[in-house]
Structure formats: C-alpha cells, structure tokens
Amino acid sequence: MIKICASIGLALAVTTLYASRPALAQQASTSTGSAIHAVITVEAHHGTNIPVINREDVMVYEGHDRDKVIDMVPLAGDHAGLELFLLVDDASNSSLDSQLQDFRQFISSQPATTAIGVGYMRDGAVQVVQNLTIDRAQAAKSLRLPVGDPGTSPSPYFSLVDLIKRWPETPVRREVLMISDGIDRFYGSGPDDPYVDSAVEAAQKAGIIIYSIYSPGVGHYGHSFWRINWGQNYLGQVSDQTGGELYNYMLGPAVSFVPFLDDLSHRLTHQLLVTFLPKSESKPGMRQVKFRTEVPNAELVGPDRVYVPLTR
C-alpha cells in the first residue's frame, strides 16, 4: 500500500515536470502588486464550436463595478501546462468498477502537457496512489477498485481540503476531477454545510477548479434519496463556485462516464488565464466576481469568488 505522499513529493514532481516551461502567472504579471489571476473556461451557449475570445472581450465585475482586465493568455500551446488530480471516493459502490476503463482511456488521451495524479478519499484525507506524472501508463495503472466501505469516507470535503493544503503552488493551472456521491456522512444533510463551504473557500483561495462526477456510494446513506439529493447539491456547489462542472444522471448511476470525460477534455482545451485589477480595499479577503463577455454564443465560466490580498 502506497502511503499518502508528503507535500515535498508533489513539489519535486512539479519541479521536474515544469522546470523548462514558461511560468504563466509570471508572464501575466505586471508592476502592480494587486493583479489577480483566474482561470476561466470558454463555453458555447449552443453547439460545440467555441467562439474566439480576445482580451478586450473579457469583462470582470465586482457587483456593479467593472474591474480592469490587464492580460489574458489562452492556455494552449506553450501555455497548456496542467496538473490534474483524479480523486476517487473509497465509499463508492461496485457500480464504479465498470467505469475504471473509462478513466484509463481518459488518462491515456490527455496531452503531454498534462501531469496526472490519482488519489483515494478515505479517513478524511487523500491516499495518493500516484503522484503527478506525465507517464500515462503509470497513472492509468494506479487506478484500483474502491474499498466500498462507508466508514472509510466520513466526508469527501475533508479529503478535498487535505489535497489542496498539500498541493504546492505551481506556475501552471491546477484542477481536480472528484468521483463521489457527495454525501457528507459527518455533517449529515441540509443547507449550509460548513465543510462544503470550507472546501469551496480552500479551492478558491488556491485557484483550483473542481470538476465532479456523481457515483453512488455504499451503505444506508448511499440508498437514501434525501441524502443522495443533498450529496449531488454539495458536489454541484463545489464545482459551480470554483468554475467547474458537475456531471450526473438524475435517474441513477451512469452507464458510461465517456460522455462526461469527453466533455471535460473539451473544456480543458478552452481555458484562459485572466489577469485583472480588483477594487482597492483596506483589508484582504474573498471577493465576489463575475466574468462576462458580449461575444455572441460565448459564456465565460469561472469561480464566483477570488482571494484578494491587501491592495494598494
């Protein structure tokens, strides 16, 4: 059994993978210390043809106030670097077994600019079975069947925060694909789950986008319609508020994850690094933001909050 890797292990992997690649955040920085960076995804309202977005097409708002966009870098070509972690809930039931090949194919199809890590959510932490690597075969091989014990995963949001805390900042974008029923067995169910809120804030502060796929869990909670509904709501909250997407079938477990994974691969190739100047405030904190564009048939999807340090 591979133990959870210390943060230095992840840092060494990052250094090895990206030592010769351009630093996106550094290239997008300016002389002002208040510039904020956010990764956003360009989507089409209709169809699959993604419109071209230029810097002047991107608008950032704090309430009714529009912030100045000072740079925009398409995350493609020399700037396509990505760290992607697959997080599998060890409380998932046996229906996930047939989907493992879908994940292996997804891993194998990712471009050479993507480093992939694999971890399992259990005991409120993440068991990393594969550190970030560009070795597709090695990452795919590390996937295993979930334990299938509800006691191993009190809350997937504890595990998500654990990964975020141990994931060093890098000059490339960081994103997560989380496979879980989303049920918080520690909190229960209902609105205003503090552990979900903490996971969202941790991801927003770190600039990490969370995608999620609903997969049924085991045990009594995994069969309760009420808790299943709240679990999907929680997954949707984490994904929506960080700029990601929740994938699920409302009538039961997915027969195949391929459509979800194909859509995710498509989204990852249409992301932008946007740099903007927030409103001047006297203290640091989280800021509500909205990303907009007037380009026809285009939508900009990003986090609904960003962390702003002390500005000028």
C-alpha atoms as a PDB file:
ATOM      1  CA  MET A   1       0.000   0.000   0.000  1.00  0.00           C
ATOM      2  CA  ILE A   2       1.376   3.380  -1.008  1.00  0.00           C
ATOM      3  CA  LYS A   3       1.207   5.891   1.803  1.00  0.00           C
ATOM      4  CA  ILE A   4      -0.015   9.447   1.397  1.00  0.00           C
ATOM      5  CA  CYS A   5       2.836  11.387  -0.144  1.00  0.00           C
ATOM      6  CA  ALA A   6       4.197  14.390   1.694  1.00  0.00           C
ATOM      7  CA  SER A   7       3.919  17.778   0.007  1.00  0.00           C
ATOM      8  CA  ILE A   8       7.623  17.738  -0.790  1.00  0.00           C
ATOM      9  CA  GLY A   9       6.993  14.718  -3.012  1.00  0.00           C
ATOM     10  CA  LEU A  10       4.486  16.680  -5.043  1.00  0.00           C
ATOM     11  CA  ALA A  11       6.792  19.669  -5.174  1.00  0.00           C
ATOM     12  CA  LEU A  12       9.664  17.591  -6.537  1.00  0.00           C
ATOM     13  CA  ALA A  13       7.402  16.155  -9.203  1.00  0.00           C
ATOM     14  CA  VAL A  14       6.300  19.633 -10.235  1.00  0.00           C
ATOM     15  CA  THR A  15       9.882  20.903 -10.386  1.00  0.00           C
ATOM     16  CA  THR A  16      10.921  18.032 -12.610  1.00  0.00           C
ATOM     17  CA  LEU A  17       7.955  18.360 -14.947  1.00  0.00           C
ATOM     18  CA  TYR A  18       7.898  22.098 -15.467  1.00  0.00           C
ATOM     19  CA  ALA A  19      11.420  23.384 -14.872  1.00  0.00           C
ATOM     20  CA  SER A  20      11.811  24.243 -18.562  1.00  0.00           C
ATOM     21  CA  ARG A  21       8.298  25.557 -19.190  1.00  0.00           C
ATOM     22  CA  PRO A  22       7.169  29.206 -19.088  1.00  0.00           C
ATOM     23  CA  ALA A  23       5.518  30.422 -15.905  1.00  0.00           C
ATOM     24  CA  LEU A  24       2.018  31.589 -16.818  1.00  0.00           C
ATOM     25  CA  ALA A  25       1.432  33.692 -13.732  1.00  0.00           C
ATOM     26  CA  GLN A  26       4.813  35.402 -14.078  1.00  0.00           C
ATOM     27  CA  GLN A  27       4.252  36.183 -17.735  1.00  0.00           C
ATOM     28  CA  ALA A  28       0.850  37.654 -16.959  1.00  0.00           C
ATOM     29  CA  SER A  29       2.043  39.744 -14.014  1.00  0.00           C
ATOM     30  CA  THR A  30       2.537  43.498 -14.032  1.00  0.00           C
ATOM     31  CA  SER A  31       4.389  46.020 -11.935  1.00  0.00           C
ATOM     32  CA  THR A  32       1.393  46.423  -9.629  1.00  0.00           C
ATOM     33  CA  GLY A  33       1.150  44.038  -6.725  1.00  0.00           C
ATOM     34  CA  SER A  34      -2.642  43.886  -6.770  1.00  0.00           C
ATOM     35  CA  ALA A  35      -3.132  41.943 -10.005  1.00  0.00           C
ATOM     36  CA  ILE A  36      -5.327  38.856  -9.576  1.00  0.00           C
ATOM     37  CA  HIS A  37      -5.165  35.778 -11.801  1.00  0.00           C
ATOM     38  CA  ALA A  38      -8.112  33.477 -12.516  1.00  0.00           C
ATOM     39  CA  VAL A  39      -8.509  30.511 -14.843  1.00  0.00           C
ATOM     40  CA  ILE A  40     -11.808  30.640 -16.732  1.00  0.00           C
ATOM     41  CA  THR A  41     -13.399  28.338 -19.279  1.00  0.00           C
ATOM     42  CA  VAL A  42     -14.985  29.488 -22.532  1.00  0.00           C
ATOM     43  CA  GLU A  43     -18.202  27.660 -23.363  1.00  0.00           C
ATOM     44  CA  ALA A  44     -20.686  27.893 -26.211  1.00  0.00           C
ATOM     45  CA  HIS A  45     -24.348  28.601 -25.426  1.00  0.00           C
ATOM     46  CA  HIS A  46     -25.334  26.408 -28.359  1.00  0.00           C
ATOM     47  CA  GLY A  47     -23.384  23.739 -30.197  1.00  0.00           C
ATOM     48  CA  THR A  48     -19.763  22.756 -29.685  1.00  0.00           C
ATOM     49  CA  ASN A  49     -17.961  25.431 -31.701  1.00  0.00           C
ATOM     50  CA  ILE A  50     -16.232  27.641 -29.136  1.00  0.00           C
ATOM     51  CA  PRO A  51     -16.009  31.325 -30.155  1.00  0.00           C
ATOM     52  CA  VAL A  52     -12.635  33.068 -30.159  1.00  0.00           C
ATOM     53  CA  ILE A  53     -12.162  35.359 -27.154  1.00  0.00           C
ATOM     54  CA  ASN A  54      -9.674  38.238 -27.099  1.00  0.00           C
ATOM     55  CA  ARG A  55      -8.536  40.222 -24.086  1.00  0.00           C
ATOM     56  CA  GLU A  56     -10.860  43.114 -24.869  1.00  0.00           C
ATOM     57  CA  ASP A  57     -13.786  40.670 -24.906  1.00  0.00           C
ATOM     58  CA  VAL A  58     -13.336  39.686 -21.243  1.00  0.00           C
ATOM     59  CA  MET A  59     -15.170  41.660 -18.561  1.00  0.00           C
ATOM     60  CA  VAL A  60     -14.794  41.183 -14.804  1.00  0.00           C
ATOM     61  CA  TYR A  61     -17.299  42.640 -12.360  1.00  0.00           C
ATOM     62  CA  GLU A  62     -17.394  43.095  -8.596  1.00  0.00           C
ATOM     63  CA  GLY A  63     -21.067  43.814  -8.087  1.00  0.00           C
ATOM     64  CA  HIS A  64     -21.886  46.663 -10.477  1.00  0.00           C
ATOM     65  CA  ASP A  65     -18.261  47.803 -10.677  1.00  0.00           C
ATOM     66  CA  ARG A  66     -16.149  46.668 -13.605  1.00  0.00           C
ATOM     67  CA  ASP A  67     -12.517  45.742 -12.926  1.00  0.00           C
ATOM     68  CA  LYS A  68      -9.748  46.431 -15.407  1.00  0.00           C
ATOM     69  CA  VAL A  69      -8.529  43.371 -17.322  1.00  0.00           C
ATOM     70  CA  ILE A  70      -4.813  43.808 -17.945  1.00  0.00           C
ATOM     71  CA  ASP A  71      -3.924  40.486 -19.564  1.00  0.00           C
ATOM     72  CA  MET A  72      -5.436  37.324 -20.999  1.00  0.00           C
ATOM     73  CA  VAL A  73      -3.469  34.231 -22.001  1.00  0.00           C
ATOM     74  CA  PRO A  74      -5.103  31.289 -23.826  1.00  0.00           C
ATOM     75  CA  LEU A  75      -3.977  28.139 -22.008  1.00  0.00           C
ATOM     76  CA  ALA A  76      -2.855  26.306 -25.115  1.00  0.00           C
ATOM     77  CA  GLY A  77       0.401  25.646 -26.949  1.00  0.00           C
ATOM     78  CA  ASP A  78       3.344  26.789 -24.834  1.00  0.00           C
ATOM     79  CA  HIS A  79       0.908  27.732 -22.055  1.00  0.00           C
ATOM     80  CA  ALA A  80      -1.056  24.459 -21.940  1.00  0.00           C
ATOM     81  CA  GLY A  81       0.575  23.113 -18.758  1.00  0.00           C
ATOM     82  CA  LEU A  82      -1.932  21.488 -16.398  1.00  0.00           C
ATOM     83  CA  GLU A  83      -1.844  19.494 -13.165  1.00  0.00           C
ATOM     84  CA  LEU A  84      -4.928  17.295 -12.908  1.00  0.00           C
ATOM     85  CA  PHE A  85      -5.748  15.134  -9.894  1.00  0.00           C
ATOM     86  CA  LEU A  86      -8.319  12.330 -10.043  1.00  0.00           C
ATOM     87  CA  LEU A  87      -9.909  11.822  -6.617  1.00  0.00           C
ATOM     88  CA  VAL A  88     -11.973   8.659  -6.141  1.00  0.00           C
ATOM     89  CA  ASP A  89     -14.213   8.212  -3.103  1.00  0.00           C
ATOM     90  CA  ASP A  90     -13.361   4.927  -1.358  1.00  0.00           C
ATOM     91  CA  ALA A  91     -17.009   4.769  -0.207  1.00  0.00           C
ATOM     92  CA  SER A  92     -18.194   4.314  -3.820  1.00  0.00           C
ATOM     93  CA  ASN A  93     -20.171   1.168  -4.547  1.00  0.00           C
ATOM     94  CA  SER A  94     -19.450  -1.580  -7.057  1.00  0.00           C
ATOM     95  CA  SER A  95     -21.136   0.291  -9.937  1.00  0.00           C
ATOM     96  CA  LEU A  96     -17.884   2.225 -10.283  1.00  0.00           C
ATOM     97  CA  ASP A  97     -15.980  -0.958 -11.128  1.00  0.00           C
ATOM     98  CA  SER A  98     -17.152  -0.972 -14.741  1.00  0.00           C
ATOM     99  CA  GLN A  99     -16.111   2.674 -15.184  1.00  0.00           C
ATOM    100  CA  LEU A 100     -12.415   2.227 -14.398  1.00  0.00           C
ATOM    101  CA  GLN A 101     -11.606   1.531 -18.034  1.00  0.00           C
ATOM    102  CA  ASP A 102     -13.283   4.821 -18.971  1.00  0.00           C
ATOM    103  CA  PHE A 103     -10.902   6.621 -16.631  1.00  0.00           C
ATOM    104  CA  ARG A 104      -7.881   4.750 -18.000  1.00  0.00           C
ATOM    105  CA  GLN A 105      -8.813   5.788 -21.530  1.00  0.00           C
ATOM    106  CA  PHE A 106      -9.325   9.357 -20.370  1.00  0.00           C
ATOM    107  CA  ILE A 107      -5.874   9.401 -18.760  1.00  0.00           C
ATOM    108  CA  SER A 108      -4.264   7.951 -21.884  1.00  0.00           C
ATOM    109  CA  SER A 109      -5.909  10.587 -24.094  1.00  0.00           C
ATOM    110  CA  GLN A 110      -4.568  13.598 -22.204  1.00  0.00           C
ATOM    111  CA  PRO A 111      -1.878  15.707 -23.896  1.00  0.00           C
ATOM    112  CA  ALA A 112       1.785  15.562 -22.901  1.00  0.00           C
ATOM    113  CA  THR A 113       1.410  18.960 -21.210  1.00  0.00           C
ATOM    114  CA  THR A 114      -0.866  17.442 -18.544  1.00  0.00           C
ATOM    115  CA  ALA A 115       0.542  15.880 -15.377  1.00  0.00           C
ATOM    116  CA  ILE A 116      -1.906  13.463 -13.762  1.00  0.00           C
ATOM    117  CA  GLY A 117      -2.151  12.327 -10.158  1.00  0.00           C
ATOM    118  CA  VAL A 118      -4.507   9.731  -8.646  1.00  0.00           C
ATOM    119  CA  GLY A 119      -5.763   9.631  -5.082  1.00  0.00           C
ATOM    120  CA  TYR A 120      -8.459   7.947  -2.992  1.00  0.00           C
ATOM    121  CA  MET A 121     -10.582   9.828  -0.476  1.00  0.00           C
ATOM    122  CA  ARG A 122     -10.630   7.991   2.837  1.00  0.00           C
ATOM    123  CA  ASP A 123     -10.460   8.727   6.563  1.00  0.00           C
ATOM    124  CA  GLY A 124     -10.819  12.450   5.932  1.00  0.00           C
ATOM    125  CA  ALA A 125      -7.612  12.588   3.878  1.00  0.00           C
ATOM    126  CA  VAL A 126      -6.278  11.535   0.481  1.00  0.00           C
ATOM    127  CA  GLN A 127      -4.321   8.368  -0.120  1.00  0.00           C
ATOM    128  CA  VAL A 128      -2.170   9.338  -3.105  1.00  0.00           C
ATOM    129  CA  VAL A 129      -1.534   6.180  -5.127  1.00  0.00           C
ATOM    130  CA  GLN A 130       0.132   8.068  -7.979  1.00  0.00           C
ATOM    131  CA  ASN A 131       1.976  11.345  -7.677  1.00  0.00           C
ATOM    132  CA  LEU A 132       1.719  13.844 -10.511  1.00  0.00           C
ATOM    133  CA  THR A 133       3.275  12.284 -13.603  1.00  0.00           C
ATOM    134  CA  ILE A 134       3.307  12.609 -17.375  1.00  0.00           C
ATOM    135  CA  ASP A 135       3.616   8.821 -17.656  1.00  0.00           C
ATOM    136  CA  ARG A 136       0.112   7.950 -18.893  1.00  0.00           C
ATOM    137  CA  ALA A 137       0.509   4.184 -18.453  1.00  0.00           C
ATOM    138  CA  GLN A 138       1.783   4.584 -14.905  1.00  0.00           C
ATOM    139  CA  ALA A 139      -1.108   6.856 -13.918  1.00  0.00           C
ATOM    140  CA  ALA A 140      -3.699   4.545 -15.508  1.00  0.00           C
ATOM    141  CA  LYS A 141      -2.194   1.503 -13.822  1.00  0.00           C
ATOM    142  CA  SER A 142      -2.521   3.084 -10.376  1.00  0.00           C
ATOM    143  CA  LEU A 143      -6.340   3.058 -10.534  1.00  0.00           C
ATOM    144  CA  ARG A 144      -7.922   0.402  -8.311  1.00  0.00           C
ATOM    145  CA  LEU A 145     -11.377  -0.612  -7.158  1.00  0.00           C
ATOM    146  CA  PRO A 146     -12.765   1.472  -4.279  1.00  0.00           C
ATOM    147  CA  VAL A 147     -12.855  -0.172  -0.862  1.00  0.00           C
ATOM    148  CA  GLY A 148     -16.639   0.167  -0.784  1.00  0.00           C
ATOM    149  CA  ASP A 149     -16.912   0.843   2.948  1.00  0.00           C
ATOM    150  CA  PRO A 150     -18.918   3.911   4.047  1.00  0.00           C
ATOM    151  CA  GLY A 151     -16.788   4.143   7.188  1.00  0.00           C
ATOM    152  CA  THR A 152     -13.713   4.955   5.123  1.00  0.00           C
ATOM    153  CA  SER A 153     -15.076   8.315   3.943  1.00  0.00           C
ATOM    154  CA  PRO A 154     -16.725  10.467   6.644  1.00  0.00           C
ATOM    155  CA  SER A 155     -16.731  13.471   4.316  1.00  0.00           C
ATOM    156  CA  PRO A 156     -15.259  13.821   0.825  1.00  0.00           C
ATOM    157  CA  TYR A 157     -14.819  17.525   1.578  1.00  0.00           C
ATOM    158  CA  PHE A 158     -12.313  16.788   4.342  1.00  0.00           C
ATOM    159  CA  SER A 159     -10.290  14.852   1.783  1.00  0.00           C
ATOM    160  CA  LEU A 160     -10.528  17.597  -0.827  1.00  0.00           C
ATOM    161  CA  VAL A 161      -9.214  20.179   1.642  1.00  0.00           C
ATOM    162  CA  ASP A 162      -6.411  17.791   2.617  1.00  0.00           C
ATOM    163  CA  LEU A 163      -5.247  17.557  -1.007  1.00  0.00           C
ATOM    164  CA  ILE A 164      -5.453  21.319  -1.541  1.00  0.00           C
ATOM    165  CA  LYS A 165      -3.379  22.019   1.586  1.00  0.00           C
ATOM    166  CA  ARG A 166      -0.636  19.629   0.446  1.00  0.00           C
ATOM    167  CA  TRP A 167      -0.590  20.711  -3.212  1.00  0.00           C
ATOM    168  CA  PRO A 168       2.189  23.273  -3.741  1.00  0.00           C
ATOM    169  CA  GLU A 169       1.533  26.338  -5.869  1.00  0.00           C
ATOM    170  CA  THR A 170       2.950  25.985  -9.358  1.00  0.00           C
ATOM    171  CA  PRO A 171       3.254  28.158 -12.477  1.00  0.00           C
ATOM    172  CA  VAL A 172       0.549  26.080 -14.208  1.00  0.00           C
ATOM    173  CA  ARG A 173      -3.183  25.633 -13.622  1.00  0.00           C
ATOM    174  CA  ARG A 174      -4.364  23.057 -11.090  1.00  0.00           C
ATOM    175  CA  GLU A 175      -7.647  21.185 -11.436  1.00  0.00           C
ATOM    176  CA  VAL A 176      -9.408  18.244  -9.791  1.00  0.00           C
ATOM    177  CA  LEU A 177     -11.837  15.593 -11.034  1.00  0.00           C
ATOM    178  CA  MET A 178     -13.664  14.229  -7.986  1.00  0.00           C
ATOM    179  CA  ILE A 179     -15.701  10.994  -8.250  1.00  0.00           C
ATOM    180  CA  SER A 180     -18.087  10.651  -5.302  1.00  0.00           C
ATOM    181  CA  ASP A 181     -21.717  10.545  -4.193  1.00  0.00           C
ATOM    182  CA  GLY A 182     -21.016  13.874  -2.493  1.00  0.00           C
ATOM    183  CA  ILE A 183     -22.715  12.757   0.738  1.00  0.00           C
ATOM    184  CA  ASP A 184     -21.229  14.315   3.857  1.00  0.00           C
ATOM    185  CA  ARG A 185     -21.600  11.481   6.354  1.00  0.00           C
ATOM    186  CA  PHE A 186     -20.003  13.591   9.068  1.00  0.00           C
ATOM    187  CA  TYR A 187     -22.357  16.577   8.754  1.00  0.00           C
ATOM    188  CA  GLY A 188     -25.464  14.781   7.538  1.00  0.00           C
ATOM    189  CA  SER A 189     -27.643  16.739   5.119  1.00  0.00           C
ATOM    190  CA  GLY A 190     -29.303  20.080   4.704  1.00  0.00           C
ATOM    191  CA  PRO A 191     -28.285  23.569   3.633  1.00  0.00           C
ATOM    192  CA  ASP A 192     -25.193  25.467   4.738  1.00  0.00           C
ATOM    193  CA  ASP A 193     -22.819  22.537   5.217  1.00  0.00           C
ATOM    194  CA  PRO A 194     -19.743  24.194   6.802  1.00  0.00           C
ATOM    195  CA  TYR A 195     -17.383  21.526   5.446  1.00  0.00           C
ATOM    196  CA  VAL A 196     -18.574  22.069   1.889  1.00  0.00           C
ATOM    197  CA  ASP A 197     -18.146  25.815   2.374  1.00  0.00           C
ATOM    198  CA  SER A 198     -14.618  25.264   3.700  1.00  0.00           C
ATOM    199  CA  ALA A 199     -13.715  23.128   0.693  1.00  0.00           C
ATOM    200  CA  VAL A 200     -15.029  25.773  -1.695  1.00  0.00           C
ATOM    201  CA  GLU A 201     -13.077  28.547   0.019  1.00  0.00           C
ATOM    202  CA  ALA A 202      -9.871  26.486   0.102  1.00  0.00           C
ATOM    203  CA  ALA A 203     -10.160  25.774  -3.624  1.00  0.00           C
ATOM    204  CA  GLN A 204     -10.969  29.391  -4.473  1.00  0.00           C
ATOM    205  CA  LYS A 205      -8.024  30.706  -2.459  1.00  0.00           C
ATOM    206  CA  ALA A 206      -5.710  28.234  -4.187  1.00  0.00           C
ATOM    207  CA  GLY A 207      -7.182  28.956  -7.629  1.00  0.00           C
ATOM    208  CA  ILE A 208      -8.085  25.276  -8.131  1.00  0.00           C
ATOM    209  CA  ILE A 209     -11.054  24.279 -10.298  1.00  0.00           C
ATOM    210  CA  ILE A 210     -13.104  21.278  -9.139  1.00  0.00           C
ATOM    211  CA  TYR A 211     -14.994  19.030 -11.564  1.00  0.00           C
ATOM    212  CA  SER A 212     -17.115  16.227 -10.151  1.00  0.00           C
ATOM    213  CA  ILE A 213     -18.880  13.090 -11.327  1.00  0.00           C
ATOM    214  CA  TYR A 214     -21.678  11.677  -9.223  1.00  0.00           C
ATOM    215  CA  SER A 215     -21.114   7.990  -8.438  1.00  0.00           C
ATOM    216  CA  PRO A 216     -23.353   6.121  -5.942  1.00  0.00           C
ATOM    217  CA  GLY A 217     -21.963   5.235  -2.534  1.00  0.00           C
ATOM    218  CA  VAL A 218     -22.451   2.237  -0.270  1.00  0.00           C
ATOM    219  CA  GLY A 219     -24.350   1.873   2.979  1.00  0.00           C
ATOM    220  CA  HIS A 220     -27.648   3.298   4.176  1.00  0.00           C
ATOM    221  CA  TYR A 221     -26.729   6.864   3.257  1.00  0.00           C
ATOM    222  CA  GLY A 222     -25.943   5.773  -0.284  1.00  0.00           C
ATOM    223  CA  HIS A 223     -29.520   4.491  -0.729  1.00  0.00           C
ATOM    224  CA  SER A 224     -31.358   7.426   0.846  1.00  0.00           C
ATOM    225  CA  PHE A 225     -32.974   9.633  -1.796  1.00  0.00           C
ATOM    226  CA  TRP A 226     -32.845  12.599   0.585  1.00  0.00           C
ATOM    227  CA  ARG A 227     -29.124  12.246   1.228  1.00  0.00           C
ATOM    228  CA  ILE A 228     -28.365  11.435  -2.430  1.00  0.00           C
ATOM    229  CA  ASN A 229     -30.104  14.670  -3.405  1.00  0.00           C
ATOM    230  CA  TRP A 230     -28.085  16.695  -0.903  1.00  0.00           C
ATOM    231  CA  GLY A 231     -24.880  14.947  -1.953  1.00  0.00           C
ATOM    232  CA  GLN A 232     -25.449  15.998  -5.545  1.00  0.00           C
ATOM    233  CA  ASN A 233     -26.268  19.527  -4.375  1.00  0.00           C
ATOM    234  CA  TYR A 234     -22.977  19.666  -2.479  1.00  0.00           C
ATOM    235  CA  LEU A 235     -20.997  18.421  -5.484  1.00  0.00           C
ATOM    236  CA  GLY A 236     -22.741  20.998  -7.645  1.00  0.00           C
ATOM    237  CA  GLN A 237     -21.915  23.755  -5.169  1.00  0.00           C
ATOM    238  CA  VAL A 238     -18.210  22.890  -5.069  1.00  0.00           C
ATOM    239  CA  SER A 239     -17.984  22.627  -8.850  1.00  0.00           C
ATOM    240  CA  ASP A 240     -20.093  25.669  -9.737  1.00  0.00           C
ATOM    241  CA  GLN A 241     -18.437  28.011  -7.260  1.00  0.00           C
ATOM    242  CA  THR A 242     -14.891  27.093  -8.335  1.00  0.00           C
ATOM    243  CA  GLY A 243     -15.568  27.318 -12.074  1.00  0.00           C
ATOM    244  CA  GLY A 244     -16.010  23.590 -12.752  1.00  0.00           C
ATOM    245  CA  GLU A 245     -18.911  21.319 -13.683  1.00  0.00           C
ATOM    246  CA  LEU A 246     -20.953  18.556 -12.047  1.00  0.00           C
ATOM    247  CA  TYR A 247     -21.701  15.538 -14.218  1.00  0.00           C
ATOM    248  CA  ASN A 248     -24.538  13.230 -13.185  1.00  0.00           C
ATOM    249  CA  TYR A 249     -27.534  11.258 -14.361  1.00  0.00           C
ATOM    250  CA  MET A 250     -30.599  12.131 -12.320  1.00  0.00           C
ATOM    251  CA  LEU A 251     -32.212   8.701 -12.706  1.00  0.00           C
ATOM    252  CA  GLY A 252     -29.331   6.597 -11.412  1.00  0.00           C
ATOM    253  CA  PRO A 253     -25.674   5.729 -11.959  1.00  0.00           C
ATOM    254  CA  ALA A 254     -24.179   6.480 -15.353  1.00  0.00           C
ATOM    255  CA  VAL A 255     -23.908   3.551 -17.758  1.00  0.00           C
ATOM    256  CA  SER A 256     -20.725   5.113 -19.092  1.00  0.00           C
ATOM    257  CA  PHE A 257     -18.585   8.054 -17.999  1.00  0.00           C
ATOM    258  CA  VAL A 258     -17.222   8.519 -21.523  1.00  0.00           C
ATOM    259  CA  PRO A 259     -19.566  11.440 -22.443  1.00  0.00           C
ATOM    260  CA  PHE A 260     -18.625  13.218 -19.205  1.00  0.00           C
ATOM    261  CA  LEU A 261     -14.899  12.668 -19.690  1.00  0.00           C
ATOM    262  CA  ASP A 262     -15.049  13.733 -23.337  1.00  0.00           C
ATOM    263  CA  ASP A 263     -16.788  16.955 -22.292  1.00  0.00           C
ATOM    264  CA  LEU A 264     -14.167  17.585 -19.605  1.00  0.00           C
ATOM    265  CA  SER A 265     -11.327  17.055 -22.093  1.00  0.00           C
ATOM    266  CA  HIS A 266     -13.036  19.560 -24.400  1.00  0.00           C
ATOM    267  CA  ARG A 267     -13.350  22.146 -21.627  1.00  0.00           C
ATOM    268  CA  LEU A 268      -9.709  21.802 -20.614  1.00  0.00           C
ATOM    269  CA  THR A 269      -8.642  22.870 -24.110  1.00  0.00           C
ATOM    270  CA  HIS A 270     -10.691  26.085 -23.957  1.00  0.00           C
ATOM    271  CA  GLN A 271      -9.423  27.820 -20.847  1.00  0.00           C
ATOM    272  CA  LEU A 272      -7.920  31.263 -20.350  1.00  0.00           C
ATOM    273  CA  LEU A 273      -5.722  32.836 -17.697  1.00  0.00           C
ATOM    274  CA  VAL A 274      -7.249  36.240 -16.982  1.00  0.00           C
ATOM    275  CA  THR A 275      -5.377  38.904 -15.015  1.00  0.00           C
ATOM    276  CA  PHE A 276      -7.321  41.847 -13.621  1.00  0.00           C
ATOM    277  CA  LEU A 277      -7.101  44.647 -11.075  1.00  0.00           C
ATOM    278  CA  PRO A 278      -9.652  44.361  -8.227  1.00  0.00           C
ATOM    279  CA  LYS A 279     -11.166  47.278  -6.388  1.00  0.00           C
ATOM    280  CA  SER A 280      -8.903  48.834  -3.797  1.00  0.00           C
ATOM    281  CA  GLU A 281      -9.812  47.778  -0.258  1.00  0.00           C
ATOM    282  CA  SER A 282      -8.225  48.302   3.157  1.00  0.00           C
ATOM    283  CA  LYS A 283      -8.089  44.612   4.074  1.00  0.00           C
ATOM    284  CA  PRO A 284      -7.592  41.276   2.317  1.00  0.00           C
ATOM    285  CA  GLY A 285     -10.400  38.788   1.779  1.00  0.00           C
ATOM    286  CA  MET A 286     -12.639  36.895  -0.593  1.00  0.00           C
ATOM    287  CA  ARG A 287     -14.353  38.949  -3.313  1.00  0.00           C
ATOM    288  CA  GLN A 288     -17.466  38.105  -5.297  1.00  0.00           C
ATOM    289  CA  VAL A 289     -16.696  38.308  -9.015  1.00  0.00           C
ATOM    290  CA  LYS A 290     -18.465  37.646 -12.304  1.00  0.00           C
ATOM    291  CA  PHE A 291     -16.876  37.021 -15.681  1.00  0.00           C
ATOM    292  CA  ARG A 292     -18.792  38.263 -18.704  1.00  0.00           C
ATOM    293  CA  THR A 293     -18.412  38.681 -22.462  1.00  0.00           C
ATOM    294  CA  GLU A 294     -20.540  40.131 -25.242  1.00  0.00           C
ATOM    295  CA  VAL A 295     -19.130  37.784 -27.884  1.00  0.00           C
ATOM    296  CA  PRO A 296     -22.119  36.008 -29.480  1.00  0.00           C
ATOM    297  CA  ASN A 297     -22.754  32.416 -28.339  1.00  0.00           C
ATOM    298  CA  ALA A 298     -19.993  32.610 -25.725  1.00  0.00           C
ATOM    299  CA  GLU A 299     -20.075  32.216 -21.969  1.00  0.00           C
ATOM    300  CA  LEU A 300     -17.182  32.665 -19.531  1.00  0.00           C
ATOM    301  CA  VAL A 301     -17.244  30.232 -16.598  1.00  0.00           C
ATOM    302  CA  GLY A 302     -15.017  30.905 -13.609  1.00  0.00           C
ATOM    303  CA  PRO A 303     -15.004  30.965  -9.805  1.00  0.00           C
ATOM    304  CA  ASP A 304     -17.642  33.143  -8.173  1.00  0.00           C
ATOM    305  CA  ARG A 305     -15.099  34.405  -5.643  1.00  0.00           C
ATOM    306  CA  VAL A 306     -11.371  35.099  -5.661  1.00  0.00           C
ATOM    307  CA  TYR A 307      -8.990  35.836  -2.811  1.00  0.00           C
ATOM    308  CA  VAL A 308      -7.563  39.348  -2.900  1.00  0.00           C
ATOM    309  CA  PRO A 309      -4.584  40.154  -0.657  1.00  0.00           C
ATOM    310  CA  LEU A 310      -4.043  43.620   0.731  1.00  0.00           C
ATOM    311  CA  THR A 311      -4.275  46.001  -2.225  1.00  0.00           C
ATOM    312  CA  ARG A 312      -2.621  49.351  -2.736  1.00  0.00           C
END
